[in-house]
Amino acid sequence: MIPPGRQRLKFAETDLPSVSHLSLEKRIELWAELVDENEALLKAGLKSRIGNTGDPRAAYRDWYSRTMEERDKLQVALAENLTRRERSHGQ
């Protein structure tokens, strides 16, 4: 949410195109392409870390484990913050 009195800067080159005019089938096709590209970027990033001789499955498991650990910590922090706010408002 944009605070009152502030305007969001708009840049045509960063605005995402609308897909509202596309059929459901085409939207799903674009989503699948996005997932494939994301996977390719992840694999490329892992390969750059481990080199040609490293184990890509082990690198992925390590990356996934760290990512989920960070996500879990964030979820706990958000829940604790919500609890703290509710207590301060007498709920």
N, C-alpha and C. Protein backbone atom coordinates (compact mmCIF):
# COMPACT_ATOMS: atom_id res chain seq x y z
N MET A 1 0.84 -1.18 0.00
CA MET A 1 0.00 0.00 0.00
C MET A 1 0.89 1.24 0.00
N ILE A 2 0.51 2.21 -0.78
CA ILE A 2 1.28 3.45 -0.89
C ILE A 2 0.77 4.41 0.18
N PRO A 3 1.69 4.96 1.00
CA PRO A 3 1.28 5.91 2.03
C PRO A 3 0.58 7.12 1.43
N PRO A 4 -0.37 7.70 2.17
CA PRO A 4 -1.04 8.90 1.68
C PRO A 4 -0.03 10.00 1.37
N GLY A 5 -0.29 10.73 0.32
CA GLY A 5 0.58 11.83 -0.05
C GLY A 5 1.76 11.42 -0.91
N ARG A 6 1.92 10.15 -1.15
CA ARG A 6 3.01 9.67 -2.01
C ARG A 6 2.43 9.05 -3.26
N GLN A 7 3.13 9.24 -4.34
CA GLN A 7 2.71 8.63 -5.59
C GLN A 7 3.73 7.60 -6.02
N ARG A 8 3.23 6.58 -6.64
CA ARG A 8 4.11 5.54 -7.16
C ARG A 8 4.67 6.01 -8.50
N LEU A 9 5.97 5.90 -8.63
CA LEU A 9 6.58 6.24 -9.91
C LEU A 9 6.26 5.15 -10.91
N LYS A 10 5.93 5.53 -12.11
CA LYS A 10 5.60 4.56 -13.14
C LYS A 10 6.64 4.64 -14.25
N PHE A 11 7.13 3.50 -14.60
CA PHE A 11 8.08 3.39 -15.69
C PHE A 11 7.53 2.37 -16.67
N ALA A 12 7.33 2.78 -17.89
CA ALA A 12 6.72 1.90 -18.88
C ALA A 12 7.49 0.60 -19.05
N GLU A 13 8.81 0.67 -18.99
CA GLU A 13 9.61 -0.54 -19.22
C GLU A 13 9.55 -1.52 -18.06
N THR A 14 9.07 -1.11 -16.89
CA THR A 14 8.98 -2.03 -15.76
C THR A 14 7.55 -2.48 -15.48
N ASP A 15 6.59 -1.88 -16.15
CA ASP A 15 5.20 -2.30 -15.95
C ASP A 15 4.99 -3.66 -16.59
N LEU A 16 4.37 -4.54 -15.84
CA LEU A 16 4.09 -5.86 -16.37
C LEU A 16 2.91 -5.81 -17.33
N PRO A 17 3.00 -6.52 -18.43
CA PRO A 17 1.87 -6.52 -19.35
C PRO A 17 0.69 -7.27 -18.76
N SER A 18 -0.48 -6.84 -19.11
CA SER A 18 -1.69 -7.50 -18.64
C SER A 18 -1.92 -8.78 -19.44
N VAL A 19 -2.42 -9.79 -18.76
CA VAL A 19 -2.77 -11.03 -19.44
C VAL A 19 -4.28 -11.24 -19.46
N SER A 20 -5.01 -10.22 -19.05
CA SER A 20 -6.47 -10.36 -18.93
C SER A 20 -7.14 -10.67 -20.26
N HIS A 21 -6.50 -10.30 -21.36
CA HIS A 21 -7.10 -10.55 -22.67
C HIS A 21 -6.81 -11.95 -23.20
N LEU A 22 -5.93 -12.69 -22.51
CA LEU A 22 -5.55 -14.02 -22.98
C LEU A 22 -6.52 -15.08 -22.48
N SER A 23 -6.60 -16.15 -23.26
CA SER A 23 -7.44 -17.28 -22.85
C SER A 23 -6.79 -17.98 -21.66
N LEU A 24 -7.59 -18.76 -20.94
CA LEU A 24 -7.06 -19.52 -19.82
C LEU A 24 -5.94 -20.45 -20.27
N GLU A 25 -6.14 -21.08 -21.42
CA GLU A 25 -5.12 -21.98 -21.95
C GLU A 25 -3.80 -21.26 -22.18
N LYS A 26 -3.85 -20.05 -22.74
CA LYS A 26 -2.63 -19.28 -23.01
C LYS A 26 -1.99 -18.82 -21.70
N ARG A 27 -2.80 -18.45 -20.70
CA ARG A 27 -2.26 -18.05 -19.40
C ARG A 27 -1.52 -19.20 -18.74
N ILE A 28 -2.10 -20.39 -18.83
CA ILE A 28 -1.45 -21.57 -18.26
C ILE A 28 -0.15 -21.86 -19.00
N GLU A 29 -0.16 -21.72 -20.31
CA GLU A 29 1.05 -21.92 -21.12
C GLU A 29 2.15 -20.94 -20.70
N LEU A 30 1.80 -19.69 -20.50
CA LEU A 30 2.78 -18.68 -20.07
C LEU A 30 3.30 -18.99 -18.68
N TRP A 31 2.41 -19.43 -17.78
CA TRP A 31 2.82 -19.79 -16.43
C TRP A 31 3.82 -20.95 -16.48
N ALA A 32 3.53 -21.96 -17.31
CA ALA A 32 4.43 -23.11 -17.43
C ALA A 32 5.80 -22.67 -17.97
N GLU A 33 5.80 -21.76 -18.92
CA GLU A 33 7.06 -21.23 -19.44
C GLU A 33 7.84 -20.51 -18.33
N LEU A 34 7.14 -19.76 -17.52
CA LEU A 34 7.77 -19.05 -16.41
C LEU A 34 8.40 -20.02 -15.42
N VAL A 35 7.68 -21.09 -15.10
CA VAL A 35 8.21 -22.11 -14.20
C VAL A 35 9.46 -22.74 -14.80
N ASP A 36 9.42 -23.06 -16.08
CA ASP A 36 10.59 -23.66 -16.75
C ASP A 36 11.79 -22.71 -16.73
N GLU A 37 11.55 -21.44 -17.01
CA GLU A 37 12.64 -20.46 -17.00
C GLU A 37 13.21 -20.29 -15.60
N ASN A 38 12.34 -20.30 -14.60
CA ASN A 38 12.79 -20.19 -13.22
C ASN A 38 13.68 -21.37 -12.85
N GLU A 39 13.27 -22.56 -13.25
CA GLU A 39 14.07 -23.76 -12.99
C GLU A 39 15.43 -23.67 -13.67
N ALA A 40 15.44 -23.17 -14.91
CA ALA A 40 16.70 -23.03 -15.64
C ALA A 40 17.63 -22.04 -14.94
N LEU A 41 17.07 -20.94 -14.43
CA LEU A 41 17.89 -19.96 -13.71
C LEU A 41 18.44 -20.54 -12.42
N LEU A 42 17.61 -21.29 -11.70
CA LEU A 42 18.06 -21.93 -10.46
C LEU A 42 19.19 -22.91 -10.76
N LYS A 43 19.01 -23.73 -11.77
CA LYS A 43 20.05 -24.71 -12.13
C LYS A 43 21.35 -24.01 -12.54
N ALA A 44 21.23 -22.93 -13.29
CA ALA A 44 22.42 -22.19 -13.72
C ALA A 44 23.14 -21.59 -12.52
N GLY A 45 22.37 -21.06 -11.57
CA GLY A 45 22.97 -20.50 -10.36
C GLY A 45 23.67 -21.56 -9.53
N LEU A 46 23.03 -22.72 -9.39
CA LEU A 46 23.66 -23.81 -8.64
C LEU A 46 24.92 -24.30 -9.35
N LYS A 47 24.85 -24.42 -10.66
CA LYS A 47 26.01 -24.89 -11.41
C LYS A 47 27.18 -23.92 -11.28
N SER A 48 26.88 -22.63 -11.23
CA SER A 48 27.97 -21.65 -11.08
C SER A 48 28.62 -21.77 -9.71
N ARG A 49 27.88 -22.25 -8.73
CA ARG A 49 28.44 -22.44 -7.39
C ARG A 49 29.24 -23.73 -7.26
N ILE A 50 28.75 -24.78 -7.87
CA ILE A 50 29.39 -26.09 -7.68
C ILE A 50 30.37 -26.45 -8.78
N GLY A 51 30.31 -25.74 -9.92
CA GLY A 51 31.18 -26.08 -11.03
C GLY A 51 30.70 -27.32 -11.76
N ASN A 52 31.50 -27.78 -12.71
CA ASN A 52 31.12 -28.92 -13.53
C ASN A 52 31.27 -30.26 -12.80
N THR A 53 32.04 -30.29 -11.74
CA THR A 53 32.30 -31.56 -11.06
C THR A 53 31.45 -31.76 -9.81
N GLY A 54 30.68 -30.76 -9.42
CA GLY A 54 29.86 -30.88 -8.22
C GLY A 54 28.60 -31.69 -8.46
N ASP A 55 27.94 -32.03 -7.38
CA ASP A 55 26.70 -32.82 -7.43
C ASP A 55 25.50 -31.87 -7.44
N PRO A 56 24.80 -31.74 -8.58
CA PRO A 56 23.69 -30.80 -8.66
C PRO A 56 22.52 -31.16 -7.73
N ARG A 57 22.26 -32.44 -7.53
CA ARG A 57 21.17 -32.84 -6.63
C ARG A 57 21.48 -32.44 -5.19
N ALA A 58 22.71 -32.66 -4.78
CA ALA A 58 23.11 -32.27 -3.42
C ALA A 58 23.06 -30.75 -3.27
N ALA A 59 23.49 -30.03 -4.30
CA ALA A 59 23.45 -28.57 -4.25
C ALA A 59 22.01 -28.08 -4.15
N TYR A 60 21.10 -28.73 -4.88
CA TYR A 60 19.69 -28.34 -4.81
C TYR A 60 19.12 -28.63 -3.43
N ARG A 61 19.41 -29.81 -2.90
CA ARG A 61 18.91 -30.16 -1.56
C ARG A 61 19.41 -29.16 -0.52
N ASP A 62 20.68 -28.76 -0.63
CA ASP A 62 21.25 -27.79 0.30
C ASP A 62 20.56 -26.44 0.15
N TRP A 63 20.39 -26.00 -1.09
CA TRP A 63 19.72 -24.72 -1.35
C TRP A 63 18.29 -24.76 -0.81
N TYR A 64 17.57 -25.85 -1.10
CA TYR A 64 16.18 -25.96 -0.67
C TYR A 64 16.08 -25.96 0.85
N SER A 65 16.96 -26.69 1.50
CA SER A 65 16.96 -26.76 2.96
C SER A 65 17.18 -25.38 3.57
N ARG A 66 18.17 -24.64 3.05
CA ARG A 66 18.44 -23.29 3.56
C ARG A 66 17.25 -22.36 3.30
N THR A 67 16.67 -22.47 2.12
CA THR A 67 15.54 -21.61 1.76
C THR A 67 14.36 -21.87 2.68
N MET A 68 14.06 -23.13 2.94
CA MET A 68 12.93 -23.46 3.81
C MET A 68 13.21 -23.06 5.25
N GLU A 69 14.45 -23.18 5.68
CA GLU A 69 14.81 -22.75 7.04
C GLU A 69 14.60 -21.24 7.19
N GLU A 70 15.02 -20.48 6.19
CA GLU A 70 14.81 -19.03 6.22
C GLU A 70 13.33 -18.70 6.21
N ARG A 71 12.55 -19.42 5.40
CA ARG A 71 11.11 -19.20 5.33
C ARG A 71 10.47 -19.50 6.68
N ASP A 72 10.87 -20.60 7.29
CA ASP A 72 10.31 -20.96 8.60
C ASP A 72 10.61 -19.89 9.64
N LYS A 73 11.84 -19.38 9.64
CA LYS A 73 12.19 -18.32 10.59
C LYS A 73 11.34 -17.08 10.36
N LEU A 74 11.11 -16.74 9.09
CA LEU A 74 10.28 -15.59 8.77
C LEU A 74 8.85 -15.81 9.25
N GLN A 75 8.31 -17.00 9.03
CA GLN A 75 6.94 -17.30 9.47
C GLN A 75 6.81 -17.20 10.99
N VAL A 76 7.80 -17.71 11.70
CA VAL A 76 7.79 -17.63 13.17
C VAL A 76 7.83 -16.16 13.61
N ALA A 77 8.71 -15.38 12.98
CA ALA A 77 8.82 -13.96 13.34
C ALA A 77 7.51 -13.23 13.06
N LEU A 78 6.86 -13.53 11.94
CA LEU A 78 5.58 -12.88 11.63
C LEU A 78 4.51 -13.27 12.65
N ALA A 79 4.47 -14.54 13.03
CA ALA A 79 3.49 -14.99 14.02
C ALA A 79 3.75 -14.35 15.37
N GLU A 80 5.02 -14.26 15.76
CA GLU A 80 5.35 -13.62 17.04
C GLU A 80 4.97 -12.15 17.02
N ASN A 81 5.22 -11.49 15.91
CA ASN A 81 4.87 -10.07 15.78
C ASN A 81 3.36 -9.89 15.87
N LEU A 82 2.61 -10.75 15.20
CA LEU A 82 1.15 -10.67 15.25
C LEU A 82 0.65 -10.89 16.68
N THR A 83 1.20 -11.88 17.36
CA THR A 83 0.81 -12.16 18.74
C THR A 83 1.11 -10.96 19.63
N ARG A 84 2.28 -10.36 19.45
CA ARG A 84 2.67 -9.20 20.25
C ARG A 84 1.70 -8.04 20.01
N ARG A 85 1.33 -7.81 18.76
CA ARG A 85 0.41 -6.71 18.45
C ARG A 85 -0.98 -6.97 19.03
N GLU A 86 -1.42 -8.24 18.93
CA GLU A 86 -2.74 -8.57 19.48
C GLU A 86 -2.77 -8.37 21.00
N ARG A 87 -1.70 -8.76 21.67
CA ARG A 87 -1.63 -8.57 23.13
C ARG A 87 -1.63 -7.10 23.49
N SER A 88 -0.94 -6.29 22.71
CA SER A 88 -0.88 -4.85 23.03
C SER A 88 -2.22 -4.16 22.80
N HIS A 89 -3.10 -4.80 22.02
CA HIS A 89 -4.42 -4.24 21.78
C HIS A 89 -5.48 -4.92 22.63
N GLY A 90 -5.04 -5.74 23.58
CA GLY A 90 -5.95 -6.36 24.54
C GLY A 90 -6.78 -7.50 23.99
N GLN A 91 -6.32 -8.14 22.96
CA GLN A 91 -7.09 -9.25 22.40
C GLN A 91 -6.58 -10.57 22.89
